[in-house]
């Protein structure tokens, strides 16, 4: 399987439940895997499960993907804790200043719940939000609460949404590419808007 296959939800689903679970875990927890499919992979898996083209129990699919999403974000959080210790000791440069961590901490104090729940539906944000939570040493119990809640909403909404449509309208498979383009376009717009909002929210923080 090459890199193009890893970007195709249909190819991943053909690889089976184990591959889907691994991709979700990596995309949620390993920062250099942010490019892997997330939203449309979950929706597509539910869709194929609903049409019967993916022969796995919907309950097993939900459980495996949920565990991968929550476990992946937990990995990102603890990776952030390790990186945070190193960053605080690192020499400041053009690309890194400790004020960036201060601003991030301020943002998380104010918006942590929204970031970790709504951010689940946003590519890139989904991967880096847990990492940043770890870097600023967000309380672990608070992080896990939002991690589990956000992961549950994300997994169940997308997989069950796809499953329902697959059962009721199996012909929707003919339009899967358009659905994926819709996911990518919509989430890209939201991510860009979110970046501008975050910049405005923290620009006056010292």
N, C-alpha and C. Protein backbone atom coordinates (compact mmCIF):
# COMPACT_ATOMS: atom_id res chain seq x y z
N UNK A 1 0.85 -1.20 0.00
CA UNK A 1 0.00 0.00 0.00
C UNK A 1 0.88 1.24 0.00
N UNK A 2 0.67 2.15 -0.97
CA UNK A 2 1.48 3.36 -1.05
C UNK A 2 0.79 4.54 -0.39
N UNK A 3 1.43 5.71 -0.45
CA UNK A 3 0.90 6.90 0.24
C UNK A 3 -0.44 7.32 -0.33
N UNK A 4 -0.65 7.11 -1.63
CA UNK A 4 -1.94 7.47 -2.24
C UNK A 4 -3.06 6.62 -1.65
N UNK A 5 -2.79 5.35 -1.43
CA UNK A 5 -3.79 4.46 -0.83
C UNK A 5 -4.14 4.90 0.57
N UNK A 6 -3.17 5.43 1.32
CA UNK A 6 -3.41 5.87 2.69
C UNK A 6 -4.28 7.12 2.76
N UNK A 7 -4.39 7.82 1.64
CA UNK A 7 -5.25 9.00 1.59
C UNK A 7 -6.64 8.68 1.06
N UNK A 8 -6.84 7.44 0.65
CA UNK A 8 -8.12 7.01 0.09
C UNK A 8 -8.89 6.21 1.13
N UNK A 9 -10.05 6.72 1.53
CA UNK A 9 -10.85 6.01 2.53
C UNK A 9 -11.30 4.65 2.01
N UNK A 10 -11.60 4.57 0.72
CA UNK A 10 -12.07 3.30 0.16
C UNK A 10 -10.97 2.25 0.20
N UNK A 11 -9.73 2.64 -0.12
CA UNK A 11 -8.61 1.69 -0.07
C UNK A 11 -8.33 1.24 1.36
N UNK A 12 -8.43 2.16 2.31
CA UNK A 12 -8.20 1.81 3.71
C UNK A 12 -9.25 0.82 4.19
N UNK A 13 -10.52 1.07 3.84
CA UNK A 13 -11.60 0.17 4.25
C UNK A 13 -11.40 -1.22 3.67
N UNK A 14 -10.91 -1.29 2.45
CA UNK A 14 -10.61 -2.59 1.86
C UNK A 14 -9.51 -3.31 2.62
N UNK A 15 -8.65 -2.53 3.30
CA UNK A 15 -7.58 -3.13 4.10
C UNK A 15 -8.09 -3.77 5.38
N UNK A 16 -9.32 -3.49 5.76
CA UNK A 16 -9.92 -4.15 6.91
C UNK A 16 -9.97 -3.29 8.17
N UNK A 17 -10.61 -3.85 9.18
CA UNK A 17 -10.86 -3.14 10.44
C UNK A 17 -9.56 -2.75 11.14
N UNK A 18 -8.57 -3.62 11.11
CA UNK A 18 -7.31 -3.33 11.79
C UNK A 18 -6.64 -2.09 11.19
N UNK A 19 -6.66 -1.98 9.87
CA UNK A 19 -6.03 -0.84 9.21
C UNK A 19 -6.80 0.45 9.52
N UNK A 20 -8.13 0.38 9.51
CA UNK A 20 -8.94 1.55 9.85
C UNK A 20 -8.61 2.03 11.25
N UNK A 21 -8.55 1.08 12.19
CA UNK A 21 -8.26 1.41 13.59
C UNK A 21 -6.88 2.06 13.72
N UNK A 22 -5.90 1.51 13.01
CA UNK A 22 -4.54 2.04 13.07
C UNK A 22 -4.47 3.45 12.50
N UNK A 23 -5.14 3.68 11.37
CA UNK A 23 -5.13 5.00 10.74
C UNK A 23 -5.76 6.04 11.67
N UNK A 24 -6.89 5.70 12.28
CA UNK A 24 -7.56 6.63 13.20
C UNK A 24 -6.66 6.94 14.39
N UNK A 25 -5.99 5.93 14.94
CA UNK A 25 -5.08 6.13 16.07
C UNK A 25 -3.94 7.07 15.69
N UNK A 26 -3.32 6.83 14.55
CA UNK A 26 -2.18 7.65 14.13
C UNK A 26 -2.61 9.08 13.82
N UNK A 27 -3.75 9.23 13.13
CA UNK A 27 -4.20 10.57 12.74
C UNK A 27 -4.58 11.41 13.96
N UNK A 28 -5.03 10.77 15.01
CA UNK A 28 -5.41 11.49 16.24
C UNK A 28 -4.24 11.72 17.18
N UNK A 29 -3.20 10.90 17.09
CA UNK A 29 -2.19 10.95 18.13
C UNK A 29 -0.77 11.25 17.73
N UNK A 30 -0.42 11.15 16.45
CA UNK A 30 0.96 11.34 16.01
C UNK A 30 1.00 12.56 15.10
N UNK A 31 1.70 13.61 15.51
CA UNK A 31 1.57 14.91 14.85
C UNK A 31 2.00 14.89 13.39
N UNK A 32 2.94 14.02 13.01
CA UNK A 32 3.35 14.01 11.61
C UNK A 32 2.43 13.13 10.75
N UNK A 33 1.35 12.61 11.34
CA UNK A 33 0.35 11.85 10.58
C UNK A 33 -0.93 12.65 10.38
N UNK A 34 -0.84 13.97 10.52
CA UNK A 34 -2.02 14.83 10.42
C UNK A 34 -2.69 14.76 9.06
N UNK A 35 -1.95 14.33 8.03
CA UNK A 35 -2.48 14.31 6.66
C UNK A 35 -3.39 13.11 6.40
N UNK A 36 -3.41 12.14 7.30
CA UNK A 36 -4.23 10.94 7.08
C UNK A 36 -5.72 11.29 7.17
N UNK A 37 -6.57 10.55 6.47
CA UNK A 37 -8.01 10.86 6.49
C UNK A 37 -8.63 10.57 7.84
N UNK A 38 -9.57 11.40 8.24
CA UNK A 38 -10.25 11.21 9.52
C UNK A 38 -11.75 11.21 9.36
N UNK A 39 -12.32 12.40 9.19
CA UNK A 39 -13.78 12.54 9.11
C UNK A 39 -14.37 11.66 8.02
N UNK A 40 -13.87 11.80 6.81
CA UNK A 40 -14.49 11.05 5.72
C UNK A 40 -14.16 9.56 5.76
N UNK A 41 -13.08 9.18 6.48
CA UNK A 41 -12.81 7.75 6.68
C UNK A 41 -13.88 7.14 7.59
N UNK A 42 -14.21 7.84 8.67
CA UNK A 42 -15.25 7.35 9.58
C UNK A 42 -16.60 7.27 8.87
N UNK A 43 -16.95 8.34 8.16
CA UNK A 43 -18.22 8.37 7.45
C UNK A 43 -18.28 7.26 6.39
N UNK A 44 -17.19 7.09 5.65
CA UNK A 44 -17.14 6.07 4.61
C UNK A 44 -17.23 4.66 5.20
N UNK A 45 -16.55 4.44 6.33
CA UNK A 45 -16.60 3.13 6.98
C UNK A 45 -18.02 2.80 7.42
N UNK A 46 -18.71 3.79 8.00
CA UNK A 46 -20.10 3.59 8.38
C UNK A 46 -20.98 3.35 7.17
N UNK A 47 -20.71 4.08 6.10
CA UNK A 47 -21.49 3.96 4.87
C UNK A 47 -21.35 2.56 4.27
N UNK A 48 -20.11 2.10 4.13
CA UNK A 48 -19.87 0.77 3.57
C UNK A 48 -20.42 -0.32 4.48
N UNK A 49 -20.35 -0.09 5.78
CA UNK A 49 -20.92 -1.04 6.74
C UNK A 49 -22.44 -1.11 6.56
N UNK A 50 -23.06 0.04 6.34
CA UNK A 50 -24.51 0.10 6.16
C UNK A 50 -24.98 -0.57 4.89
N UNK A 51 -24.19 -0.47 3.81
CA UNK A 51 -24.57 -1.09 2.54
C UNK A 51 -24.23 -2.58 2.51
N UNK A 52 -23.41 -3.03 3.47
CA UNK A 52 -23.00 -4.43 3.48
C UNK A 52 -21.72 -4.69 2.73
N UNK A 53 -21.12 -3.64 2.13
CA UNK A 53 -19.86 -3.83 1.40
C UNK A 53 -18.67 -3.97 2.33
N UNK A 54 -18.83 -3.56 3.57
CA UNK A 54 -17.78 -3.75 4.60
C UNK A 54 -18.38 -4.69 5.63
N UNK A 55 -17.94 -5.94 5.59
CA UNK A 55 -18.58 -7.00 6.37
C UNK A 55 -18.02 -7.05 7.80
N UNK A 56 -18.48 -6.11 8.63
CA UNK A 56 -18.09 -6.08 10.03
C UNK A 56 -19.27 -5.53 10.83
N UNK A 57 -19.41 -5.99 12.06
CA UNK A 57 -20.50 -5.52 12.91
C UNK A 57 -20.34 -4.02 13.18
N UNK A 58 -21.42 -3.28 13.11
CA UNK A 58 -21.38 -1.84 13.39
C UNK A 58 -20.92 -1.59 14.82
N UNK A 59 -21.25 -2.49 15.73
CA UNK A 59 -20.86 -2.32 17.13
C UNK A 59 -19.35 -2.50 17.31
N UNK A 60 -18.79 -3.48 16.62
CA UNK A 60 -17.34 -3.68 16.67
C UNK A 60 -16.62 -2.50 16.03
N UNK A 61 -17.16 -2.03 14.92
CA UNK A 61 -16.56 -0.87 14.24
C UNK A 61 -16.54 0.35 15.16
N UNK A 62 -17.68 0.63 15.80
CA UNK A 62 -17.76 1.77 16.71
C UNK A 62 -16.77 1.64 17.86
N UNK A 63 -16.71 0.46 18.46
CA UNK A 63 -15.83 0.25 19.61
C UNK A 63 -14.36 0.42 19.24
N UNK A 64 -13.94 -0.19 18.13
CA UNK A 64 -12.54 -0.12 17.73
C UNK A 64 -12.12 1.30 17.36
N UNK A 65 -12.96 1.98 16.59
CA UNK A 65 -12.62 3.34 16.17
C UNK A 65 -12.66 4.30 17.35
N UNK A 66 -13.63 4.13 18.24
CA UNK A 66 -13.70 4.98 19.45
C UNK A 66 -12.44 4.82 20.30
N UNK A 67 -12.03 3.56 20.52
CA UNK A 67 -10.82 3.31 21.33
C UNK A 67 -9.59 3.90 20.66
N UNK A 68 -9.52 3.82 19.33
CA UNK A 68 -8.38 4.38 18.60
C UNK A 68 -8.36 5.90 18.69
N UNK A 69 -9.54 6.52 18.60
CA UNK A 69 -9.62 7.98 18.65
C UNK A 69 -9.22 8.50 20.04
N UNK A 70 -9.76 7.90 21.08
CA UNK A 70 -9.46 8.33 22.45
C UNK A 70 -8.01 7.99 22.80
N UNK A 71 -7.58 6.79 22.46
CA UNK A 71 -6.20 6.39 22.76
C UNK A 71 -5.19 7.21 21.99
N UNK A 72 -5.49 7.53 20.74
CA UNK A 72 -4.58 8.35 19.94
C UNK A 72 -4.41 9.74 20.51
N UNK A 73 -5.51 10.36 20.90
CA UNK A 73 -5.43 11.70 21.50
C UNK A 73 -4.69 11.68 22.83
N UNK A 74 -4.87 10.61 23.59
CA UNK A 74 -4.13 10.48 24.86
C UNK A 74 -2.63 10.40 24.59
N UNK A 75 -2.25 9.68 23.54
CA UNK A 75 -0.83 9.61 23.14
C UNK A 75 -0.32 11.00 22.78
N UNK A 76 -1.12 11.75 22.03
CA UNK A 76 -0.73 13.11 21.66
C UNK A 76 -0.54 13.99 22.87
N UNK A 77 -1.43 13.85 23.85
CA UNK A 77 -1.36 14.64 25.08
C UNK A 77 -0.06 14.35 25.84
N UNK A 78 0.26 13.08 26.02
CA UNK A 78 1.47 12.73 26.77
C UNK A 78 2.74 13.04 25.98
N UNK A 79 2.66 12.99 24.66
CA UNK A 79 3.78 13.45 23.84
C UNK A 79 4.01 14.94 24.05
N UNK A 80 2.90 15.70 24.15
CA UNK A 80 2.99 17.13 24.40
C UNK A 80 3.63 17.45 25.74
N UNK A 81 3.33 16.66 26.75
CA UNK A 81 3.94 16.87 28.07
C UNK A 81 5.46 16.73 27.97
N UNK A 82 5.91 15.70 27.27
CA UNK A 82 7.36 15.51 27.10
C UNK A 82 7.99 16.64 26.30
N UNK A 83 7.31 17.07 25.24
CA UNK A 83 7.83 18.17 24.43
C UNK A 83 7.82 19.49 25.19
N UNK A 84 6.78 19.67 26.03
CA UNK A 84 6.66 20.92 26.79
C UNK A 84 7.84 21.13 27.71
N UNK A 85 8.29 20.07 28.36
CA UNK A 85 9.45 20.18 29.26
C UNK A 85 10.69 20.61 28.48
N UNK A 86 10.85 20.06 27.28
CA UNK A 86 12.02 20.40 26.46
C UNK A 86 11.91 21.82 25.92
N UNK A 87 10.69 22.22 25.54
CA UNK A 87 10.50 23.56 24.98
C UNK A 87 10.81 24.65 26.01
N UNK A 88 10.41 24.42 27.26
CA UNK A 88 10.65 25.43 28.29
C UNK A 88 12.14 25.62 28.58
N UNK A 89 12.93 24.60 28.24
CA UNK A 89 14.37 24.69 28.44
C UNK A 89 15.10 25.12 27.16
N UNK A 90 14.37 25.13 26.06
CA UNK A 90 14.99 25.43 24.77
C UNK A 90 15.32 26.91 24.63
N UNK A 91 16.30 27.19 23.83
CA UNK A 91 16.69 28.56 23.56
C UNK A 91 15.68 29.20 22.62
N UNK A 92 15.30 30.44 22.91
CA UNK A 92 14.33 31.13 22.05
C UNK A 92 14.97 31.45 20.70
N UNK A 93 14.13 31.43 19.66
CA UNK A 93 14.61 31.71 18.32
C UNK A 93 13.53 32.47 17.56
N UNK A 94 13.79 32.67 16.28
CA UNK A 94 12.82 33.36 15.44
C UNK A 94 11.50 32.59 15.38
N UNK A 95 11.59 31.26 15.42
CA UNK A 95 10.40 30.42 15.26
C UNK A 95 9.80 29.97 16.59
N UNK A 96 10.53 30.13 17.68
CA UNK A 96 10.00 29.72 18.98
C UNK A 96 10.28 30.78 20.04
N UNK A 97 9.24 31.20 20.72
CA UNK A 97 9.34 32.09 21.87
C UNK A 97 8.43 31.55 22.97
N UNK A 98 8.86 31.68 24.22
CA UNK A 98 8.06 31.14 25.32
C UNK A 98 6.69 31.82 25.43
N UNK A 99 6.59 33.01 24.87
CA UNK A 99 5.29 33.69 24.90
C UNK A 99 4.25 32.93 24.09
N UNK A 100 4.72 32.13 23.13
CA UNK A 100 3.76 31.31 22.36
C UNK A 100 3.06 30.31 23.28
N UNK A 101 3.84 29.74 24.22
CA UNK A 101 3.25 28.78 25.16
C UNK A 101 2.29 29.49 26.10
N UNK A 102 2.66 30.70 26.52
CA UNK A 102 1.79 31.50 27.40
C UNK A 102 0.46 31.78 26.70
N UNK A 103 0.53 32.17 25.42
CA UNK A 103 -0.68 32.47 24.68
C UNK A 103 -1.53 31.21 24.48
N UNK A 104 -0.86 30.09 24.23
CA UNK A 104 -1.59 28.83 24.06
C UNK A 104 -2.28 28.43 25.35
N UNK A 105 -1.58 28.61 26.47
CA UNK A 105 -2.18 28.27 27.78
C UNK A 105 -3.41 29.15 28.04
N UNK A 106 -3.31 30.41 27.73
CA UNK A 106 -4.45 31.33 27.90
C UNK A 106 -5.63 30.85 27.06
N UNK A 107 -5.35 30.48 25.81
CA UNK A 107 -6.41 30.05 24.91
C UNK A 107 -7.08 28.79 25.45
N UNK A 108 -6.29 27.86 25.97
CA UNK A 108 -6.86 26.61 26.48
C UNK A 108 -7.65 26.81 27.76
N UNK A 109 -7.22 27.74 28.59
CA UNK A 109 -7.98 28.03 29.80
C UNK A 109 -9.38 28.52 29.41
N UNK A 110 -9.44 29.30 28.34
CA UNK A 110 -10.71 29.90 27.93
C UNK A 110 -11.56 29.00 27.03
N UNK A 111 -10.89 28.23 26.16
CA UNK A 111 -11.63 27.49 25.14
C UNK A 111 -11.33 25.99 25.09
N UNK A 112 -10.75 25.42 26.13
CA UNK A 112 -10.31 24.02 26.07
C UNK A 112 -11.41 23.06 25.66
N UNK A 113 -12.60 23.22 26.27
CA UNK A 113 -13.70 22.31 25.96
C UNK A 113 -14.07 22.35 24.49
N UNK A 114 -14.26 23.57 23.95
CA UNK A 114 -14.62 23.72 22.54
C UNK A 114 -13.52 23.20 21.62
N UNK A 115 -12.27 23.46 21.99
CA UNK A 115 -11.15 23.05 21.16
C UNK A 115 -11.08 21.54 21.05
N UNK A 116 -11.26 20.84 22.16
CA UNK A 116 -11.12 19.39 22.17
C UNK A 116 -12.36 18.66 21.70
N UNK A 117 -13.51 19.31 21.70
CA UNK A 117 -14.74 18.67 21.22
C UNK A 117 -15.02 19.05 19.78
N UNK A 118 -15.16 20.35 19.52
CA UNK A 118 -15.42 20.80 18.15
C UNK A 118 -14.21 20.51 17.26
N UNK A 119 -13.01 20.65 17.85
CA UNK A 119 -11.80 20.40 17.10
C UNK A 119 -11.69 18.98 16.57
N UNK A 120 -12.44 18.05 17.14
CA UNK A 120 -12.45 16.68 16.65
C UNK A 120 -12.93 16.60 15.21
N UNK A 121 -13.75 17.53 14.81
CA UNK A 121 -14.32 17.51 13.47
C UNK A 121 -13.48 18.31 12.47
N UNK A 122 -12.31 18.77 12.92
CA UNK A 122 -11.47 19.61 12.07
C UNK A 122 -10.12 18.95 11.83
N UNK A 123 -9.78 18.65 10.57
CA UNK A 123 -8.46 18.10 10.29
C UNK A 123 -7.37 19.04 10.80
N UNK A 124 -6.23 18.49 11.11
CA UNK A 124 -5.07 19.20 11.65
C UNK A 124 -5.33 19.61 13.10
N UNK A 125 -6.41 20.34 13.35
CA UNK A 125 -6.76 20.71 14.73
C UNK A 125 -6.92 19.44 15.57
N UNK A 126 -7.57 18.44 15.00
CA UNK A 126 -7.81 17.17 15.71
C UNK A 126 -6.49 16.52 16.13
N UNK A 127 -5.47 16.65 15.31
CA UNK A 127 -4.18 16.04 15.61
C UNK A 127 -3.37 16.86 16.60
N UNK A 128 -3.40 18.19 16.44
CA UNK A 128 -2.50 19.03 17.23
C UNK A 128 -3.11 19.53 18.54
N UNK A 129 -4.43 19.54 18.68
CA UNK A 129 -5.04 20.02 19.92
C UNK A 129 -4.59 19.23 21.15
N UNK A 130 -4.59 17.89 21.12
CA UNK A 130 -4.11 17.14 22.29
C UNK A 130 -2.63 17.40 22.57
N UNK A 131 -1.84 17.54 21.51
CA UNK A 131 -0.42 17.82 21.67
C UNK A 131 -0.21 19.13 22.41
N UNK A 132 -0.94 20.17 22.00
CA UNK A 132 -0.82 21.49 22.64
C UNK A 132 -1.34 21.44 24.08
N UNK A 133 -2.38 20.64 24.31
CA UNK A 133 -2.90 20.49 25.68
C UNK A 133 -1.83 19.91 26.59
N UNK A 134 -1.04 18.98 26.06
CA UNK A 134 0.05 18.41 26.84
C UNK A 134 1.19 19.38 27.05
N UNK A 135 1.51 20.15 26.02
CA UNK A 135 2.61 21.11 26.11
C UNK A 135 2.36 22.13 27.22
N UNK A 136 1.11 22.59 27.35
CA UNK A 136 0.80 23.59 28.39
C UNK A 136 0.43 22.94 29.72
N UNK A 137 0.52 21.57 29.74
CA UNK A 137 0.23 20.80 30.96
C UNK A 137 -1.20 21.03 31.47
N UNK A 138 -2.14 20.93 30.57
CA UNK A 138 -3.55 20.95 30.95
C UNK A 138 -3.81 19.80 31.92
N UNK A 139 -4.65 20.03 32.92
CA UNK A 139 -4.96 18.99 33.91
C UNK A 139 -5.39 17.70 33.20
N UNK A 140 -4.77 16.58 33.58
CA UNK A 140 -4.98 15.31 32.88
C UNK A 140 -6.43 14.84 32.96
N UNK A 141 -7.04 14.99 34.14
CA UNK A 141 -8.43 14.54 34.27
C UNK A 141 -9.36 15.38 33.42
N UNK A 142 -9.11 16.67 33.37
CA UNK A 142 -9.93 17.56 32.54
C UNK A 142 -9.74 17.23 31.07
N UNK A 143 -8.49 16.98 30.69
CA UNK A 143 -8.23 16.61 29.30
C UNK A 143 -8.95 15.32 28.93
N UNK A 144 -8.86 14.30 29.78
CA UNK A 144 -9.47 13.02 29.46
C UNK A 144 -10.98 13.12 29.39
N UNK A 145 -11.57 13.98 30.20
CA UNK A 145 -13.02 14.17 30.14
C UNK A 145 -13.43 14.66 28.75
N UNK A 146 -12.76 15.73 28.28
CA UNK A 146 -13.09 16.29 26.97
C UNK A 146 -12.63 15.36 25.85
N UNK A 147 -11.56 14.62 26.08
CA UNK A 147 -11.07 13.66 25.10
C UNK A 147 -12.12 12.56 24.85
N UNK A 148 -12.61 11.98 25.94
CA UNK A 148 -13.61 10.91 25.82
C UNK A 148 -14.92 11.45 25.24
N UNK A 149 -15.35 12.61 25.74
CA UNK A 149 -16.60 13.20 25.25
C UNK A 149 -16.50 13.56 23.76
N UNK A 150 -15.43 14.25 23.40
CA UNK A 150 -15.25 14.64 22.01
C UNK A 150 -15.09 13.44 21.09
N UNK A 151 -14.32 12.44 21.53
CA UNK A 151 -14.12 11.24 20.73
C UNK A 151 -15.42 10.48 20.52
N UNK A 152 -16.23 10.41 21.56
CA UNK A 152 -17.52 9.70 21.46
C UNK A 152 -18.45 10.39 20.47
N UNK A 153 -18.56 11.71 20.58
CA UNK A 153 -19.43 12.46 19.67
C UNK A 153 -18.95 12.31 18.23
N UNK A 154 -17.65 12.50 18.02
CA UNK A 154 -17.06 12.43 16.68
C UNK A 154 -17.30 11.08 16.02
N UNK A 155 -16.97 10.02 16.74
CA UNK A 155 -17.08 8.66 16.19
C UNK A 155 -18.53 8.28 15.92
N UNK A 156 -19.39 8.51 16.90
CA UNK A 156 -20.77 8.06 16.77
C UNK A 156 -21.53 8.87 15.72
N UNK A 157 -21.31 10.19 15.66
CA UNK A 157 -22.02 11.01 14.68
C UNK A 157 -21.64 10.61 13.26
N UNK A 158 -20.34 10.48 12.99
CA UNK A 158 -19.91 10.22 11.62
C UNK A 158 -20.15 8.77 11.19
N UNK A 159 -19.82 7.82 12.05
CA UNK A 159 -20.02 6.42 11.66
C UNK A 159 -21.50 6.07 11.57
N UNK A 160 -22.27 6.45 12.59
CA UNK A 160 -23.70 6.13 12.55
C UNK A 160 -24.43 6.91 11.47
N UNK A 161 -23.97 8.15 11.19
CA UNK A 161 -24.55 8.91 10.09
C UNK A 161 -24.33 8.20 8.77
N UNK A 162 -23.11 7.74 8.52
CA UNK A 162 -22.81 6.99 7.30
C UNK A 162 -23.56 5.67 7.25
N UNK A 163 -23.63 4.99 8.39
CA UNK A 163 -24.33 3.70 8.47
C UNK A 163 -25.81 3.84 8.11
N UNK A 164 -26.44 4.86 8.66
CA UNK A 164 -27.86 5.10 8.41
C UNK A 164 -28.11 5.38 6.92
N UNK A 165 -27.29 6.26 6.35
CA UNK A 165 -27.45 6.59 4.93
C UNK A 165 -27.16 5.38 4.04
N UNK A 166 -26.18 4.56 4.45
CA UNK A 166 -25.86 3.37 3.68
C UNK A 166 -27.00 2.37 3.67
N UNK A 167 -27.71 2.25 4.78
CA UNK A 167 -28.85 1.34 4.85
C UNK A 167 -30.05 1.87 4.08
N UNK A 168 -30.32 3.16 4.23
CA UNK A 168 -31.51 3.75 3.62
C UNK A 168 -31.32 4.11 2.15
N UNK A 169 -30.12 4.54 1.80
CA UNK A 169 -29.86 5.00 0.43
C UNK A 169 -28.55 4.39 -0.09
N UNK A 170 -28.51 3.10 -0.32
CA UNK A 170 -27.25 2.44 -0.75
C UNK A 170 -26.66 3.02 -2.03
N UNK A 171 -27.51 3.65 -2.86
CA UNK A 171 -27.02 4.24 -4.11
C UNK A 171 -26.11 5.44 -3.86
N UNK A 172 -26.05 5.90 -2.61
CA UNK A 172 -25.21 7.05 -2.28
C UNK A 172 -23.73 6.75 -2.52
N UNK A 173 -23.38 5.46 -2.57
CA UNK A 173 -22.00 5.08 -2.85
C UNK A 173 -21.51 5.64 -4.18
N UNK A 174 -22.45 5.85 -5.10
CA UNK A 174 -22.08 6.40 -6.41
C UNK A 174 -21.61 7.85 -6.32
N UNK A 175 -21.90 8.49 -5.19
CA UNK A 175 -21.55 9.91 -5.02
C UNK A 175 -20.51 10.11 -3.90
N UNK A 176 -19.81 9.02 -3.56
CA UNK A 176 -18.86 9.08 -2.44
C UNK A 176 -17.78 10.14 -2.66
N UNK A 177 -17.28 10.25 -3.88
CA UNK A 177 -16.22 11.23 -4.15
C UNK A 177 -16.70 12.65 -3.89
N UNK A 178 -17.93 12.95 -4.27
CA UNK A 178 -18.48 14.29 -4.04
C UNK A 178 -18.65 14.55 -2.54
N UNK A 179 -19.04 13.52 -1.80
CA UNK A 179 -19.21 13.66 -0.35
C UNK A 179 -17.86 13.96 0.30
N UNK A 180 -16.82 13.26 -0.14
CA UNK A 180 -15.48 13.47 0.40
C UNK A 180 -14.99 14.89 0.09
N UNK A 181 -15.19 15.33 -1.15
CA UNK A 181 -14.80 16.70 -1.51
C UNK A 181 -15.55 17.71 -0.64
N UNK A 182 -16.82 17.41 -0.36
CA UNK A 182 -17.61 18.28 0.51
C UNK A 182 -17.03 18.36 1.90
N UNK A 183 -16.64 17.19 2.46
CA UNK A 183 -16.01 17.15 3.78
C UNK A 183 -14.74 17.99 3.80
N UNK A 184 -13.88 17.77 2.81
CA UNK A 184 -12.60 18.46 2.77
C UNK A 184 -12.80 19.97 2.62
N UNK A 185 -13.70 20.37 1.73
CA UNK A 185 -13.94 21.80 1.51
C UNK A 185 -14.50 22.49 2.73
N UNK A 186 -15.50 21.88 3.36
CA UNK A 186 -16.14 22.48 4.52
C UNK A 186 -15.18 22.60 5.69
N UNK A 187 -14.47 21.51 5.98
CA UNK A 187 -13.55 21.54 7.12
C UNK A 187 -12.39 22.49 6.88
N UNK A 188 -11.94 22.62 5.63
CA UNK A 188 -10.85 23.56 5.34
C UNK A 188 -11.27 24.99 5.64
N UNK A 189 -12.49 25.34 5.25
CA UNK A 189 -13.00 26.69 5.52
C UNK A 189 -13.07 26.95 7.02
N UNK A 190 -13.57 25.96 7.77
CA UNK A 190 -13.72 26.12 9.22
C UNK A 190 -12.35 26.24 9.89
N UNK A 191 -11.38 25.45 9.44
CA UNK A 191 -10.03 25.51 10.02
C UNK A 191 -9.42 26.88 9.80
N UNK A 192 -9.53 27.41 8.58
CA UNK A 192 -8.96 28.72 8.28
C UNK A 192 -9.60 29.81 9.14
N UNK A 193 -10.92 29.75 9.26
CA UNK A 193 -11.62 30.73 10.12
C UNK A 193 -11.18 30.59 11.57
N UNK A 194 -11.01 29.35 12.01
CA UNK A 194 -10.59 29.12 13.39
C UNK A 194 -9.21 29.66 13.68
N UNK A 195 -8.30 29.56 12.70
CA UNK A 195 -6.96 30.09 12.88
C UNK A 195 -6.97 31.60 13.05
N UNK A 196 -7.80 32.27 12.26
CA UNK A 196 -7.91 33.72 12.38
C UNK A 196 -8.54 34.12 13.72
N UNK A 197 -9.53 33.36 14.17
CA UNK A 197 -10.17 33.63 15.45
C UNK A 197 -9.19 33.45 16.61
N UNK A 198 -8.43 32.35 16.54
CA UNK A 198 -7.45 32.09 17.61
C UNK A 198 -6.39 33.18 17.65
N UNK A 199 -5.97 33.66 16.49
CA UNK A 199 -4.96 34.73 16.44
C UNK A 199 -5.48 36.00 17.07
N UNK A 200 -6.75 36.35 16.79
CA UNK A 200 -7.35 37.55 17.37
C UNK A 200 -7.51 37.41 18.87
N UNK A 201 -7.85 36.20 19.34
CA UNK A 201 -8.12 35.98 20.77
C UNK A 201 -6.86 36.09 21.62
N UNK A 202 -5.70 35.81 21.01
CA UNK A 202 -4.48 35.77 21.80
C UNK A 202 -3.49 36.90 21.49
N UNK A 203 -3.80 37.76 20.57
CA UNK A 203 -2.80 38.76 20.13
C UNK A 203 -2.43 39.74 21.23
N UNK A 204 -3.32 39.96 22.20
CA UNK A 204 -3.05 40.92 23.27
C UNK A 204 -2.57 40.27 24.56
N UNK A 205 -2.32 38.96 24.48
CA UNK A 205 -1.85 38.25 25.68
C UNK A 205 -0.34 38.30 25.75
N UNK A 206 0.20 38.67 26.91
CA UNK A 206 1.64 38.77 27.02
C UNK A 206 2.29 37.49 27.46
